[in-house]
Amino acid sequence: MMNFHYDKNILTTQSDLQVSVADLRDVIQAFTIPNDAQRLKELQVVLESIERKNGLKAGALSVG
């Protein structure tokens, strides 16, 4: 089972984030990766990209 986590001191479920079409594509493609560990790693890379684009501190978004 995979869970999405976010730093509730920085973000709420109503926070607006800039997410590119490429980010969405990468998230969807990550779910086609059969290896669980590799899938998690790829999803985390996408979340790190979203953090950078939005000026969030590292670790504000995570999956695990």
Protein backbone atom coordinates (compact mmCIF):
# COMPACT_ATOMS: atom_id res chain seq x y z
CA MET A 1 0.00 0.00 0.00
CA MET A 2 1.25 3.46 -0.89
CA ASN A 3 0.43 6.60 1.09
CA PHE A 4 0.81 10.25 0.18
CA HIS A 5 2.19 12.51 2.92
CA TYR A 6 2.51 16.28 3.15
CA ASP A 7 3.84 18.62 5.81
CA LYS A 8 0.68 19.97 7.44
CA ASN A 9 2.68 22.89 8.85
CA ILE A 10 3.27 24.12 5.28
CA LEU A 11 0.37 22.80 3.18
CA THR A 12 -3.32 22.04 3.51
CA THR A 13 -5.54 19.95 1.30
CA GLN A 14 -6.71 23.27 -0.21
CA SER A 15 -3.20 24.56 -1.07
CA ASP A 16 -2.66 25.52 -4.70
CA LEU A 17 0.44 24.01 -6.28
CA GLN A 18 1.95 24.49 -9.71
CA VAL A 19 2.10 21.08 -11.40
CA SER A 20 3.17 20.67 -15.01
CA VAL A 21 1.65 18.34 -17.56
CA ALA A 22 5.01 16.52 -17.55
CA ASP A 23 4.67 15.96 -13.79
CA LEU A 24 1.23 14.44 -14.27
CA ARG A 25 2.53 12.27 -17.10
CA ASP A 26 5.42 11.08 -14.94
CA VAL A 27 3.10 10.20 -12.04
CA ILE A 28 0.86 8.17 -14.30
CA GLN A 29 3.81 6.44 -15.98
CA ALA A 30 5.33 5.61 -12.58
CA PHE A 31 2.36 3.39 -11.83
CA THR A 32 3.31 1.20 -14.77
CA ILE A 33 6.66 0.33 -13.13
CA PRO A 34 6.31 -3.24 -11.84
CA ASN A 35 9.03 -2.96 -9.17
CA ASP A 36 7.57 -1.40 -6.00
CA ALA A 37 10.84 0.15 -4.82
CA GLN A 38 11.55 1.70 -8.22
CA ARG A 39 7.96 2.97 -8.47
CA LEU A 40 8.27 4.70 -5.08
CA LYS A 41 11.61 6.21 -6.07
CA GLU A 42 10.17 7.60 -9.32
CA LEU A 43 7.14 9.06 -7.55
CA GLN A 44 9.41 10.72 -4.99
CA VAL A 45 11.49 12.27 -7.82
CA VAL A 46 8.30 13.77 -9.27
CA LEU A 47 7.24 15.12 -5.86
CA GLU A 48 10.69 16.67 -5.38
CA SER A 49 10.27 18.43 -8.72
CA ILE A 50 6.91 19.79 -7.60
CA GLU A 51 8.46 20.97 -4.33
CA ARG A 52 11.17 22.89 -6.20
CA LYS A 53 8.69 24.51 -8.61
CA ASN A 54 6.62 25.72 -5.68
CA GLY A 55 9.46 26.84 -3.42
CA LEU A 56 8.64 24.23 -0.78
CA LYS A 57 11.20 22.81 1.59
CA ALA A 58 12.57 19.36 0.79
CA GLY A 59 10.34 16.66 2.23
CA ALA A 60 7.16 18.75 2.21
CA LEU A 61 5.66 16.12 -0.11
CA SER A 62 6.39 12.41 0.06
CA VAL A 63 5.07 9.00 -0.74
CA GLY A 64 5.71 5.77 1.08
